[in-house]
Amino acid sequence: MSNTFTDAVDDILGVIPGSPLDQLRRRRPVTRDNTQASYLALFRSGQLDDAGASERYAVALFVALLHDNHAAADFYSAGLVQAGASPAVTSAVRDAAQSAATEGPYGTYREPGLQGENKPGLQWVAGQELRDALGPRLTAALEHTHLLVFRPREASPAALQTLLSAGWTTTGIVTLSQLVAFLSYQLRIITGLGLLNAQPTAEEAELAEAQNERIYS
């Protein structure tokens, strides 16, 4: 595999060098470079054996589909195939995302003072057919990912124990959490830049880049 990688956000958005969107991104080089560095650390590092490459790309595909971002889903689906996943696994991840689709965030706070902000919602659990296709580790990872995306207020030691019981190590769980956090950030950038891609005004461009910079920092 080549050691030279193009910018992931540019790839997903189809940014043309020299285009207004390319110029917009290059006005905040630190944010752009840090976003790409985070992508490389999470998806191109050879030091993440506790969360295999196919598992990371499967989670990324799942998160992109949960956010209804089909360009990002296609990007991560290609990565999943490149990582060696079978077509059956790719199809199963897409089926899982379809069955897990909902809107959030929601959930129940453990803190007594926040009970008034509780909001019910889907507690997604993979069906047996999906569990058979995905295997116990990836099934547990996707169920936990759904919790982090839609029910972060319900993260708990019991949820982490479910991952441990499915074969995840503590290091792998940390990587999984970092991955989901990064993907949520990256997808917000992609969505915002995609909206600005149709003739952004100077004021809108400055605002969008400033917001992206604050999100990252």
N, C-alpha and C. Protein backbone atom coordinates (compact mmCIF):
# COMPACT_ATOMS: atom_id res chain seq x y z
N MET A 1 0.84 -1.19 0.00
CA MET A 1 0.00 0.00 0.00
C MET A 1 0.87 1.25 0.00
N SER A 2 0.53 2.21 -0.77
CA SER A 2 1.33 3.44 -0.87
C SER A 2 1.35 4.19 0.44
N ASN A 3 2.49 4.87 0.70
CA ASN A 3 2.61 5.68 1.91
C ASN A 3 2.14 7.11 1.68
N THR A 4 1.70 7.42 0.47
CA THR A 4 1.19 8.75 0.14
C THR A 4 -0.32 8.67 -0.01
N PHE A 5 -1.01 9.50 0.75
CA PHE A 5 -2.46 9.44 0.77
C PHE A 5 -3.05 10.81 0.43
N THR A 6 -4.08 10.81 -0.38
CA THR A 6 -4.79 12.05 -0.65
C THR A 6 -5.68 12.38 0.53
N ASP A 7 -6.12 13.62 0.60
CA ASP A 7 -6.95 14.06 1.72
C ASP A 7 -8.31 13.37 1.69
N ALA A 8 -8.69 12.75 2.80
CA ALA A 8 -9.92 11.96 2.84
C ALA A 8 -11.16 12.83 2.64
N VAL A 9 -11.20 13.98 3.28
CA VAL A 9 -12.37 14.86 3.13
C VAL A 9 -12.50 15.32 1.69
N ASP A 10 -11.37 15.67 1.07
CA ASP A 10 -11.40 16.07 -0.34
C ASP A 10 -11.90 14.92 -1.22
N ASP A 11 -11.44 13.72 -0.94
CA ASP A 11 -11.88 12.56 -1.71
C ASP A 11 -13.39 12.35 -1.60
N ILE A 12 -13.89 12.43 -0.38
CA ILE A 12 -15.32 12.19 -0.16
C ILE A 12 -16.16 13.25 -0.86
N LEU A 13 -15.71 14.49 -0.80
CA LEU A 13 -16.46 15.59 -1.40
C LEU A 13 -16.20 15.75 -2.90
N GLY A 14 -15.18 15.06 -3.41
CA GLY A 14 -14.82 15.23 -4.81
C GLY A 14 -14.26 16.60 -5.11
N VAL A 15 -13.44 17.12 -4.20
CA VAL A 15 -12.89 18.46 -4.35
C VAL A 15 -11.89 18.49 -5.51
N ILE A 16 -12.05 19.45 -6.39
CA ILE A 16 -11.16 19.63 -7.52
C ILE A 16 -10.08 20.64 -7.14
N PRO A 17 -8.79 20.29 -7.35
CA PRO A 17 -7.72 21.24 -7.01
C PRO A 17 -7.94 22.59 -7.69
N GLY A 18 -7.80 23.65 -6.91
CA GLY A 18 -7.98 24.99 -7.43
C GLY A 18 -9.41 25.49 -7.44
N SER A 19 -10.37 24.61 -7.11
CA SER A 19 -11.78 25.01 -7.09
C SER A 19 -12.05 25.89 -5.86
N PRO A 20 -13.20 26.61 -5.85
CA PRO A 20 -13.52 27.43 -4.67
C PRO A 20 -13.52 26.63 -3.37
N LEU A 21 -14.00 25.38 -3.41
CA LEU A 21 -14.04 24.58 -2.19
C LEU A 21 -12.62 24.20 -1.76
N ASP A 22 -11.75 23.93 -2.71
CA ASP A 22 -10.35 23.64 -2.40
C ASP A 22 -9.70 24.86 -1.77
N GLN A 23 -9.94 26.02 -2.34
CA GLN A 23 -9.38 27.26 -1.79
C GLN A 23 -9.93 27.53 -0.39
N LEU A 24 -11.21 27.23 -0.20
CA LEU A 24 -11.83 27.42 1.11
C LEU A 24 -11.15 26.57 2.16
N ARG A 25 -10.91 25.30 1.85
CA ARG A 25 -10.28 24.40 2.82
C ARG A 25 -8.86 24.84 3.13
N ARG A 26 -8.15 25.33 2.14
CA ARG A 26 -6.75 25.71 2.34
C ARG A 26 -6.60 27.02 3.10
N ARG A 27 -7.69 27.70 3.36
CA ARG A 27 -7.62 28.92 4.16
C ARG A 27 -7.44 28.60 5.64
N ARG A 28 -7.69 27.34 6.02
CA ARG A 28 -7.48 26.89 7.39
C ARG A 28 -6.58 25.64 7.35
N PRO A 29 -5.29 25.83 7.01
CA PRO A 29 -4.42 24.68 6.80
C PRO A 29 -4.21 23.83 8.05
N VAL A 30 -4.19 24.44 9.22
CA VAL A 30 -3.97 23.66 10.45
C VAL A 30 -5.15 22.72 10.69
N THR A 31 -6.36 23.24 10.55
CA THR A 31 -7.55 22.40 10.73
C THR A 31 -7.58 21.29 9.69
N ARG A 32 -7.29 21.65 8.43
CA ARG A 32 -7.29 20.66 7.36
C ARG A 32 -6.26 19.57 7.62
N ASP A 33 -5.04 19.97 7.98
CA ASP A 33 -3.97 18.99 8.20
C ASP A 33 -4.25 18.12 9.42
N ASN A 34 -4.78 18.72 10.49
CA ASN A 34 -5.07 17.94 11.69
C ASN A 34 -6.18 16.92 11.45
N THR A 35 -7.18 17.31 10.66
CA THR A 35 -8.26 16.38 10.33
C THR A 35 -7.72 15.19 9.55
N GLN A 36 -6.86 15.46 8.58
CA GLN A 36 -6.26 14.38 7.79
C GLN A 36 -5.34 13.52 8.65
N ALA A 37 -4.58 14.14 9.54
CA ALA A 37 -3.69 13.39 10.42
C ALA A 37 -4.48 12.44 11.31
N SER A 38 -5.64 12.88 11.79
CA SER A 38 -6.48 12.03 12.62
C SER A 38 -7.01 10.85 11.80
N TYR A 39 -7.41 11.13 10.56
CA TYR A 39 -7.86 10.05 9.68
C TYR A 39 -6.76 9.02 9.48
N LEU A 40 -5.55 9.48 9.18
CA LEU A 40 -4.45 8.56 8.94
C LEU A 40 -4.12 7.75 10.19
N ALA A 41 -4.16 8.38 11.34
CA ALA A 41 -3.85 7.68 12.58
C ALA A 41 -4.86 6.58 12.88
N LEU A 42 -6.11 6.81 12.51
CA LEU A 42 -7.16 5.85 12.84
C LEU A 42 -7.40 4.80 11.76
N PHE A 43 -7.03 5.12 10.52
CA PHE A 43 -7.34 4.18 9.44
C PHE A 43 -6.12 3.64 8.70
N ARG A 44 -4.99 4.32 8.81
CA ARG A 44 -3.81 3.88 8.05
C ARG A 44 -2.65 3.47 8.94
N SER A 45 -2.88 3.46 10.24
CA SER A 45 -1.82 3.08 11.17
C SER A 45 -1.69 1.57 11.23
N GLY A 46 -0.46 1.11 11.32
CA GLY A 46 -0.21 -0.32 11.51
C GLY A 46 -0.11 -0.71 12.96
N GLN A 47 -0.45 0.21 13.85
CA GLN A 47 -0.30 -0.04 15.29
C GLN A 47 -1.63 -0.23 16.01
N LEU A 48 -2.68 -0.58 15.28
CA LEU A 48 -4.01 -0.69 15.89
C LEU A 48 -4.54 -2.12 15.78
N ASP A 49 -3.69 -3.08 16.12
CA ASP A 49 -4.07 -4.47 15.97
C ASP A 49 -5.26 -4.87 16.84
N ASP A 50 -5.50 -4.15 17.93
CA ASP A 50 -6.64 -4.50 18.80
C ASP A 50 -7.97 -4.12 18.18
N ALA A 51 -7.93 -3.36 17.10
CA ALA A 51 -9.13 -3.05 16.31
C ALA A 51 -8.70 -3.18 14.85
N GLY A 52 -9.01 -4.30 14.24
CA GLY A 52 -8.51 -4.59 12.90
C GLY A 52 -8.99 -3.59 11.86
N ALA A 53 -8.27 -3.52 10.75
CA ALA A 53 -8.61 -2.56 9.70
C ALA A 53 -10.02 -2.77 9.18
N SER A 54 -10.41 -4.01 8.95
CA SER A 54 -11.76 -4.27 8.44
C SER A 54 -12.82 -3.87 9.46
N GLU A 55 -12.51 -4.05 10.76
CA GLU A 55 -13.45 -3.63 11.80
C GLU A 55 -13.59 -2.12 11.82
N ARG A 56 -12.48 -1.41 11.68
CA ARG A 56 -12.53 0.05 11.69
C ARG A 56 -13.32 0.59 10.50
N TYR A 57 -13.08 0.03 9.33
CA TYR A 57 -13.81 0.49 8.15
C TYR A 57 -15.29 0.10 8.22
N ALA A 58 -15.59 -1.04 8.82
CA ALA A 58 -16.98 -1.45 8.98
C ALA A 58 -17.72 -0.47 9.89
N VAL A 59 -17.06 -0.08 10.98
CA VAL A 59 -17.66 0.90 11.89
C VAL A 59 -17.85 2.23 11.17
N ALA A 60 -16.86 2.64 10.37
CA ALA A 60 -16.95 3.90 9.64
C ALA A 60 -18.11 3.87 8.64
N LEU A 61 -18.25 2.77 7.92
CA LEU A 61 -19.37 2.63 6.99
C LEU A 61 -20.70 2.73 7.74
N PHE A 62 -20.79 2.07 8.87
CA PHE A 62 -22.00 2.08 9.69
C PHE A 62 -22.33 3.50 10.14
N VAL A 63 -21.34 4.23 10.65
CA VAL A 63 -21.57 5.59 11.13
C VAL A 63 -21.98 6.51 9.98
N ALA A 64 -21.31 6.38 8.83
CA ALA A 64 -21.66 7.22 7.68
C ALA A 64 -23.10 6.99 7.25
N LEU A 65 -23.53 5.74 7.26
CA LEU A 65 -24.91 5.44 6.88
C LEU A 65 -25.90 5.93 7.93
N LEU A 66 -25.53 5.83 9.20
CA LEU A 66 -26.41 6.35 10.26
C LEU A 66 -26.60 7.86 10.10
N HIS A 67 -25.58 8.54 9.58
CA HIS A 67 -25.68 9.98 9.33
C HIS A 67 -26.24 10.28 7.95
N ASP A 68 -26.62 9.24 7.22
CA ASP A 68 -27.23 9.38 5.89
C ASP A 68 -26.31 10.13 4.93
N ASN A 69 -25.00 9.87 5.07
CA ASN A 69 -24.03 10.50 4.19
C ASN A 69 -23.51 9.43 3.22
N HIS A 70 -24.09 9.39 2.04
CA HIS A 70 -23.80 8.30 1.11
C HIS A 70 -22.44 8.45 0.45
N ALA A 71 -21.95 9.67 0.28
CA ALA A 71 -20.61 9.86 -0.28
C ALA A 71 -19.56 9.29 0.67
N ALA A 72 -19.70 9.59 1.96
CA ALA A 72 -18.78 9.04 2.95
C ALA A 72 -18.94 7.52 3.05
N ALA A 73 -20.18 7.05 2.94
CA ALA A 73 -20.43 5.61 3.00
C ALA A 73 -19.72 4.89 1.85
N ASP A 74 -19.77 5.46 0.66
CA ASP A 74 -19.09 4.85 -0.49
C ASP A 74 -17.57 4.83 -0.26
N PHE A 75 -17.05 5.90 0.30
CA PHE A 75 -15.61 5.99 0.57
C PHE A 75 -15.18 4.91 1.55
N TYR A 76 -15.92 4.77 2.65
CA TYR A 76 -15.54 3.79 3.66
C TYR A 76 -15.89 2.36 3.24
N SER A 77 -16.88 2.22 2.40
CA SER A 77 -17.19 0.90 1.85
C SER A 77 -16.03 0.41 0.99
N ALA A 78 -15.45 1.30 0.19
CA ALA A 78 -14.29 0.94 -0.61
C ALA A 78 -13.12 0.56 0.28
N GLY A 79 -12.95 1.29 1.39
CA GLY A 79 -11.89 0.94 2.34
C GLY A 79 -12.11 -0.40 2.98
N LEU A 80 -13.37 -0.73 3.25
CA LEU A 80 -13.70 -2.01 3.85
C LEU A 80 -13.36 -3.16 2.91
N VAL A 81 -13.66 -2.98 1.64
CA VAL A 81 -13.31 -4.00 0.65
C VAL A 81 -11.80 -4.13 0.54
N GLN A 82 -11.10 -2.99 0.51
CA GLN A 82 -9.64 -3.01 0.41
C GLN A 82 -9.02 -3.69 1.62
N ALA A 83 -9.67 -3.57 2.78
CA ALA A 83 -9.16 -4.20 4.00
C ALA A 83 -9.40 -5.71 4.03
N GLY A 84 -10.09 -6.22 3.02
CA GLY A 84 -10.25 -7.67 2.91
C GLY A 84 -11.58 -8.22 3.34
N ALA A 85 -12.54 -7.37 3.64
CA ALA A 85 -13.86 -7.85 4.06
C ALA A 85 -14.59 -8.49 2.88
N SER A 86 -15.36 -9.49 3.16
CA SER A 86 -16.14 -10.16 2.12
C SER A 86 -17.35 -9.32 1.74
N PRO A 87 -17.90 -9.53 0.54
CA PRO A 87 -19.13 -8.82 0.16
C PRO A 87 -20.26 -9.08 1.15
N ALA A 88 -20.29 -10.27 1.75
CA ALA A 88 -21.34 -10.59 2.71
C ALA A 88 -21.26 -9.69 3.94
N VAL A 89 -20.05 -9.40 4.40
CA VAL A 89 -19.88 -8.53 5.57
C VAL A 89 -20.29 -7.10 5.22
N THR A 90 -19.84 -6.62 4.06
CA THR A 90 -20.22 -5.27 3.63
C THR A 90 -21.73 -5.14 3.54
N SER A 91 -22.38 -6.13 2.96
CA SER A 91 -23.83 -6.11 2.84
C SER A 91 -24.49 -6.15 4.22
N ALA A 92 -23.92 -6.94 5.13
CA ALA A 92 -24.49 -7.04 6.47
C ALA A 92 -24.38 -5.72 7.22
N VAL A 93 -23.27 -5.00 7.04
CA VAL A 93 -23.11 -3.70 7.70
C VAL A 93 -24.15 -2.73 7.17
N ARG A 94 -24.39 -2.75 5.87
CA ARG A 94 -25.42 -1.88 5.29
C ARG A 94 -26.81 -2.26 5.80
N ASP A 95 -27.07 -3.55 5.91
CA ASP A 95 -28.37 -3.99 6.45
C ASP A 95 -28.52 -3.56 7.91
N ALA A 96 -27.42 -3.65 8.65
CA ALA A 96 -27.46 -3.24 10.06
C ALA A 96 -27.79 -1.77 10.18
N ALA A 97 -27.15 -0.94 9.35
CA ALA A 97 -27.41 0.50 9.40
C ALA A 97 -28.85 0.81 9.04
N GLN A 98 -29.39 0.08 8.09
CA GLN A 98 -30.79 0.31 7.71
C GLN A 98 -31.74 -0.02 8.86
N SER A 99 -31.46 -1.12 9.55
CA SER A 99 -32.34 -1.50 10.66
C SER A 99 -32.13 -0.62 11.88
N ALA A 100 -30.96 0.03 11.96
CA ALA A 100 -30.63 0.85 13.13
C ALA A 100 -30.91 2.33 12.92
N ALA A 101 -31.41 2.70 11.76
CA ALA A 101 -31.62 4.12 11.44
C ALA A 101 -32.63 4.75 12.40
N THR A 102 -32.30 5.93 12.89
CA THR A 102 -33.19 6.67 13.78
C THR A 102 -32.68 8.10 13.86
N GLU A 103 -33.25 8.90 14.75
CA GLU A 103 -32.80 10.28 14.95
C GLU A 103 -32.52 10.48 16.43
N GLY A 104 -31.50 11.23 16.73
CA GLY A 104 -31.13 11.46 18.11
C GLY A 104 -30.42 12.80 18.24
N PRO A 105 -29.77 13.01 19.37
CA PRO A 105 -29.53 12.06 20.45
C PRO A 105 -30.72 11.92 21.40
N TYR A 106 -30.69 10.85 22.17
CA TYR A 106 -31.73 10.60 23.16
C TYR A 106 -31.15 9.66 24.21
N GLY A 107 -31.95 9.25 25.16
CA GLY A 107 -31.48 8.32 26.17
C GLY A 107 -31.82 8.76 27.57
N THR A 108 -31.31 8.03 28.54
CA THR A 108 -31.61 8.24 29.95
C THR A 108 -30.34 8.60 30.71
N TYR A 109 -30.38 9.71 31.43
CA TYR A 109 -29.25 10.09 32.26
C TYR A 109 -29.25 9.30 33.56
N ARG A 110 -28.05 8.99 34.03
CA ARG A 110 -27.94 8.32 35.34
C ARG A 110 -27.99 9.34 36.48
N GLU A 111 -27.59 10.59 36.18
CA GLU A 111 -27.55 11.61 37.22
C GLU A 111 -28.96 12.05 37.60
N PRO A 112 -29.31 12.03 38.89
CA PRO A 112 -30.68 12.39 39.31
C PRO A 112 -31.11 13.78 38.86
N GLY A 113 -30.20 14.74 38.85
CA GLY A 113 -30.57 16.09 38.50
C GLY A 113 -30.90 16.30 37.04
N LEU A 114 -30.64 15.29 36.20
CA LEU A 114 -30.87 15.42 34.77
C LEU A 114 -32.03 14.57 34.28
N GLN A 115 -32.77 13.97 35.19
CA GLN A 115 -33.84 13.06 34.78
C GLN A 115 -34.91 13.74 33.93
N GLY A 116 -35.08 15.05 34.14
CA GLY A 116 -36.09 15.76 33.36
C GLY A 116 -35.73 15.87 31.88
N GLU A 117 -34.47 15.58 31.54
CA GLU A 117 -34.03 15.65 30.14
C GLU A 117 -34.00 14.28 29.47
N ASN A 118 -34.47 13.25 30.17
CA ASN A 118 -34.51 11.92 29.57
C ASN A 118 -35.42 11.91 28.35
N LYS A 119 -35.03 11.15 27.35
CA LYS A 119 -35.80 11.05 26.12
C LYS A 119 -35.71 9.62 25.60
N PRO A 120 -36.85 8.95 25.40
CA PRO A 120 -36.81 7.57 24.93
C PRO A 120 -36.40 7.48 23.46
N GLY A 121 -35.90 6.33 23.07
CA GLY A 121 -35.52 6.12 21.68
C GLY A 121 -35.09 4.69 21.46
N LEU A 122 -34.76 4.39 20.22
CA LEU A 122 -34.38 3.04 19.82
C LEU A 122 -33.11 2.58 20.53
N GLN A 123 -33.17 1.42 21.17
CA GLN A 123 -31.99 0.76 21.71
C GLN A 123 -31.68 -0.41 20.77
N TRP A 124 -30.89 -0.13 19.76
CA TRP A 124 -30.72 -1.08 18.68
C TRP A 124 -29.89 -2.29 19.09
N VAL A 125 -30.42 -3.46 18.75
CA VAL A 125 -29.71 -4.73 18.96
C VAL A 125 -29.80 -5.50 17.64
N ALA A 126 -28.70 -6.01 17.17
CA ALA A 126 -28.68 -6.74 15.91
C ALA A 126 -29.48 -8.03 16.02
N GLY A 127 -30.23 -8.34 14.96
CA GLY A 127 -30.96 -9.60 14.91
C GLY A 127 -30.02 -10.77 14.69
N GLN A 128 -30.54 -11.97 14.85
CA GLN A 128 -29.69 -13.15 14.78
C GLN A 128 -29.04 -13.32 13.41
N GLU A 129 -29.75 -13.01 12.35
CA GLU A 129 -29.17 -13.15 11.01
C GLU A 129 -27.97 -12.21 10.84
N LEU A 130 -28.10 -10.99 11.33
CA LEU A 130 -26.98 -10.06 11.27
C LEU A 130 -25.83 -10.52 12.16
N ARG A 131 -26.15 -11.04 13.33
CA ARG A 131 -25.11 -11.51 14.25
C ARG A 131 -24.31 -12.64 13.62
N ASP A 132 -25.00 -13.51 12.91
CA ASP A 132 -24.31 -14.62 12.25
C ASP A 132 -23.40 -14.10 11.14
N ALA A 133 -23.85 -13.08 10.42
CA ALA A 133 -23.07 -12.56 9.30
C ALA A 133 -21.88 -11.72 9.77
N LEU A 134 -22.05 -11.00 10.87
CA LEU A 134 -21.02 -10.08 11.34
C LEU A 134 -20.04 -10.71 12.31
N GLY A 135 -20.48 -11.71 13.06
CA GLY A 135 -19.65 -12.28 14.10
C GLY A 135 -19.79 -11.50 15.39
N PRO A 136 -19.40 -12.10 16.51
CA PRO A 136 -19.65 -11.46 17.81
C PRO A 136 -18.89 -10.15 18.03
N ARG A 137 -17.63 -10.07 17.58
CA ARG A 137 -16.86 -8.84 17.82
C ARG A 137 -17.45 -7.66 17.07
N LEU A 138 -17.69 -7.83 15.78
CA LEU A 138 -18.20 -6.71 14.98
C LEU A 138 -19.63 -6.37 15.38
N THR A 139 -20.42 -7.37 15.71
CA THR A 139 -21.78 -7.10 16.18
C THR A 139 -21.75 -6.22 17.43
N ALA A 140 -20.91 -6.59 18.39
CA ALA A 140 -20.80 -5.80 19.62
C ALA A 140 -20.30 -4.39 19.32
N ALA A 141 -19.36 -4.28 18.37
CA ALA A 141 -18.83 -2.96 18.03
C ALA A 141 -19.90 -2.07 17.41
N LEU A 142 -20.71 -2.63 16.52
CA LEU A 142 -21.76 -1.81 15.90
C LEU A 142 -22.84 -1.43 16.90
N GLU A 143 -23.20 -2.35 17.78
CA GLU A 143 -24.20 -2.01 18.80
C GLU A 143 -23.68 -0.90 19.71
N HIS A 144 -22.39 -0.98 20.08
CA HIS A 144 -21.80 0.05 20.93
C HIS A 144 -21.69 1.37 20.16
N THR A 145 -21.36 1.29 18.89
CA THR A 145 -21.29 2.50 18.06
C THR A 145 -22.65 3.19 18.01
N HIS A 146 -23.71 2.42 17.86
CA HIS A 146 -25.05 3.01 17.84
C HIS A 146 -25.33 3.73 19.15
N LEU A 147 -24.90 3.13 20.25
CA LEU A 147 -25.08 3.77 21.55
C LEU A 147 -24.32 5.10 21.61
N LEU A 148 -23.07 5.11 21.14
CA LEU A 148 -22.27 6.33 21.20
C LEU A 148 -22.83 7.42 20.29
N VAL A 149 -23.38 7.05 19.16
CA VAL A 149 -23.92 8.03 18.22
C VAL A 149 -25.24 8.62 18.71
N PHE A 150 -26.14 7.76 19.20
CA PHE A 150 -27.49 8.20 19.53
C PHE A 150 -27.78 8.29 21.03
N ARG A 151 -27.09 7.48 21.85
CA ARG A 151 -27.38 7.44 23.28
C ARG A 151 -26.12 7.62 24.13
N PRO A 152 -25.32 8.63 23.85
CA PRO A 152 -24.06 8.76 24.60
C PRO A 152 -24.27 8.91 26.10
N ARG A 153 -25.41 9.44 26.49
CA ARG A 153 -25.68 9.61 27.92
C ARG A 153 -25.86 8.27 28.64
N GLU A 154 -26.02 7.19 27.88
CA GLU A 154 -26.20 5.87 28.49
C GLU A 154 -24.92 5.03 28.47
N ALA A 155 -23.79 5.63 28.08
CA ALA A 155 -22.53 4.91 28.16
C ALA A 155 -22.26 4.52 29.61
N SER A 156 -21.83 3.29 29.83
CA SER A 156 -21.71 2.79 31.19
C SER A 156 -20.69 1.66 31.25
N PRO A 157 -20.24 1.30 32.46
CA PRO A 157 -19.35 0.14 32.59
C PRO A 157 -19.97 -1.14 32.03
N ALA A 158 -21.28 -1.29 32.15
CA ALA A 158 -21.94 -2.49 31.62
C ALA A 158 -21.81 -2.54 30.10
N ALA A 159 -21.92 -1.39 29.44
CA ALA A 159 -21.77 -1.35 27.99
C ALA A 159 -20.35 -1.74 27.58
N LEU A 160 -19.37 -1.29 28.34
CA LEU A 160 -17.98 -1.66 28.05
C LEU A 160 -17.74 -3.15 28.30
N GLN A 161 -18.39 -3.68 29.31
CA GLN A 161 -18.23 -5.10 29.60
C GLN A 161 -18.77 -5.97 28.47
N THR A 162 -19.81 -5.50 27.79
CA THR A 162 -20.34 -6.23 26.64
C THR A 162 -19.28 -6.36 25.56
N LEU A 163 -18.52 -5.29 25.34
CA LEU A 163 -17.43 -5.35 24.37
C LEU A 163 -16.33 -6.30 24.82
N LEU A 164 -15.98 -6.23 26.08
CA LEU A 164 -14.94 -7.13 26.60
C LEU A 164 -15.37 -8.59 26.46
N SER A 165 -16.62 -8.86 26.72
CA SER A 165 -17.13 -10.23 26.63
C SER A 165 -17.14 -10.73 25.19
N ALA A 166 -17.20 -9.79 24.23
CA ALA A 166 -17.21 -10.17 22.82
C ALA A 166 -15.80 -10.32 22.25
N GLY A 167 -14.79 -10.07 23.09
CA GLY A 167 -13.42 -10.27 22.64
C GLY A 167 -12.61 -9.01 22.42
N TRP A 168 -13.19 -7.84 22.72
CA TRP A 168 -12.46 -6.59 22.58
C TRP A 168 -11.55 -6.37 23.78
N THR A 169 -10.35 -5.87 23.53
CA THR A 169 -9.44 -5.50 24.61
C THR A 169 -9.72 -4.07 25.03
N THR A 170 -9.15 -3.68 26.16
CA THR A 170 -9.31 -2.29 26.62
C THR A 170 -8.75 -1.32 25.59
N THR A 171 -7.60 -1.65 25.01
CA THR A 171 -7.01 -0.79 23.98
C THR A 171 -7.91 -0.70 22.76
N GLY A 172 -8.48 -1.81 22.36
CA GLY A 172 -9.39 -1.81 21.22
C GLY A 172 -10.63 -0.98 21.47
N ILE A 173 -11.13 -1.01 22.69
CA ILE A 173 -12.32 -0.22 23.04
C ILE A 173 -12.00 1.27 22.98
N VAL A 174 -10.81 1.65 23.44
CA VAL A 174 -10.39 3.05 23.35
C VAL A 174 -10.32 3.49 21.89
N THR A 175 -9.75 2.64 21.05
CA THR A 175 -9.67 2.95 19.61
C THR A 175 -11.06 3.11 19.01
N LEU A 176 -11.97 2.21 19.38
CA LEU A 176 -13.34 2.28 18.88
C LEU A 176 -14.00 3.59 19.27
N SER A 177 -13.83 4.00 20.51
CA SER A 177 -14.43 5.26 20.98
C SER A 177 -13.83 6.45 20.24
N GLN A 178 -12.50 6.44 20.06
CA GLN A 178 -11.85 7.52 19.33
C GLN A 178 -12.34 7.57 17.89
N LEU A 179 -12.54 6.41 17.31
CA LEU A 179 -12.98 6.32 15.92
C LEU A 179 -14.36 6.94 15.75
N VAL A 180 -15.29 6.60 16.62
CA VAL A 180 -16.65 7.13 16.51
C VAL A 180 -16.65 8.64 16.72
N ALA A 181 -15.87 9.11 17.67
CA ALA A 181 -15.79 10.56 17.91
C ALA A 181 -15.23 11.28 16.69
N PHE A 182 -14.17 10.73 16.10
CA PHE A 182 -13.59 11.35 14.92
C PHE A 182 -14.58 11.36 13.75
N LEU A 183 -15.26 10.26 13.52
CA LEU A 183 -16.19 10.17 12.41
C LEU A 183 -17.32 11.19 12.54
N SER A 184 -17.82 11.37 13.75
CA SER A 184 -18.88 12.36 13.96
C SER A 184 -18.38 13.75 13.60
N TYR A 185 -17.15 14.04 13.99
CA TYR A 185 -16.53 15.34 13.66
C TYR A 185 -16.32 15.46 12.15
N GLN A 186 -15.72 14.43 11.54
CA GLN A 186 -15.44 14.48 10.11
C GLN A 186 -16.71 14.64 9.28
N LEU A 187 -17.75 13.93 9.66
CA LEU A 187 -19.00 14.01 8.91
C LEU A 187 -19.67 15.37 9.05
N ARG A 188 -19.50 16.03 10.19
CA ARG A 188 -20.01 17.40 10.32
C ARG A 188 -19.29 18.33 9.36
N ILE A 189 -17.98 18.17 9.25
CA ILE A 189 -17.21 18.99 8.30
C ILE A 189 -17.68 18.74 6.88
N ILE A 190 -17.82 17.47 6.52
CA ILE A 190 -18.23 17.11 5.16
C ILE A 190 -19.61 17.68 4.84
N THR A 191 -20.53 17.57 5.78
CA THR A 191 -21.88 18.10 5.56
C THR A 191 -21.84 19.61 5.38
N GLY A 192 -21.12 20.29 6.25
CA GLY A 192 -21.05 21.75 6.16
C GLY A 192 -20.40 22.22 4.88
N LEU A 193 -19.29 21.60 4.50
CA LEU A 193 -18.60 22.00 3.27
C LEU A 193 -19.43 21.65 2.04
N GLY A 194 -20.15 20.54 2.12
CA GLY A 194 -21.00 20.16 1.01
C GLY A 194 -22.09 21.20 0.76
N LEU A 195 -22.63 21.74 1.84
CA LEU A 195 -23.66 22.78 1.70
C LEU A 195 -23.08 24.06 1.11
N LEU A 196 -21.82 24.33 1.45
CA LEU A 196 -21.19 25.54 0.96
C LEU A 196 -20.64 25.40 -0.46
N ASN A 197 -20.63 24.18 -0.96
CA ASN A 197 -20.02 23.92 -2.25
C ASN A 197 -20.71 24.66 -3.40
N ALA A 198 -21.97 25.01 -3.19
CA ALA A 198 -22.71 25.73 -4.23
C ALA A 198 -22.58 27.23 -4.01
N GLN A 199 -21.50 27.81 -4.50
CA GLN A 199 -21.28 29.25 -4.48
C GLN A 199 -21.36 29.85 -3.08
N PRO A 200 -20.47 29.50 -2.17
CA PRO A 200 -20.51 30.12 -0.84
C PRO A 200 -20.11 31.60 -0.90
N THR A 201 -20.75 32.39 -0.08
CA THR A 201 -20.33 33.79 0.03
C THR A 201 -19.11 33.85 0.93
N ALA A 202 -18.40 34.96 0.87
CA ALA A 202 -17.20 35.12 1.69
C ALA A 202 -17.55 35.02 3.17
N GLU A 203 -18.67 35.61 3.55
CA GLU A 203 -19.08 35.58 4.96
C GLU A 203 -19.41 34.16 5.39
N GLU A 204 -20.13 33.41 4.55
CA GLU A 204 -20.46 32.03 4.87
C GLU A 204 -19.21 31.18 4.97
N ALA A 205 -18.28 31.41 4.10
CA ALA A 205 -17.03 30.64 4.11
C ALA A 205 -16.26 30.86 5.40
N GLU A 206 -16.13 32.13 5.79
CA GLU A 206 -15.42 32.44 7.03
C GLU A 206 -16.11 31.80 8.23
N LEU A 207 -17.43 31.87 8.26
CA LEU A 207 -18.19 31.31 9.37
C LEU A 207 -18.02 29.81 9.45
N ALA A 208 -18.13 29.13 8.30
CA ALA A 208 -18.03 27.68 8.28
C ALA A 208 -16.65 27.22 8.74
N GLU A 209 -15.61 27.86 8.25
CA GLU A 209 -14.26 27.44 8.62
C GLU A 209 -13.99 27.74 10.10
N ALA A 210 -14.50 28.85 10.59
CA ALA A 210 -14.33 29.17 12.01
C ALA A 210 -15.03 28.14 12.89
N GLN A 211 -16.21 27.72 12.47
CA GLN A 211 -16.94 26.70 13.22
C GLN A 211 -16.20 25.37 13.19
N ASN A 212 -15.68 24.99 12.05
CA ASN A 212 -14.93 23.75 11.95
C ASN A 212 -13.69 23.77 12.85
N GLU A 213 -13.02 24.92 12.90
CA GLU A 213 -11.84 25.05 13.71
C GLU A 213 -12.20 24.91 15.19
N ARG A 214 -13.32 25.50 15.60
CA ARG A 214 -13.74 25.40 17.01
C ARG A 214 -14.10 23.96 17.35
N ILE A 215 -14.76 23.26 16.43
CA ILE A 215 -15.13 21.86 16.67
C ILE A 215 -13.88 21.03 16.92
N TYR A 216 -12.86 21.23 16.09
CA TYR A 216 -11.66 20.42 16.22
C TYR A 216 -10.90 20.73 17.50
N SER A 217 -10.82 22.01 17.85
CA SER A 217 -10.04 22.41 19.02
C SER A 217 -10.82 22.13 20.29
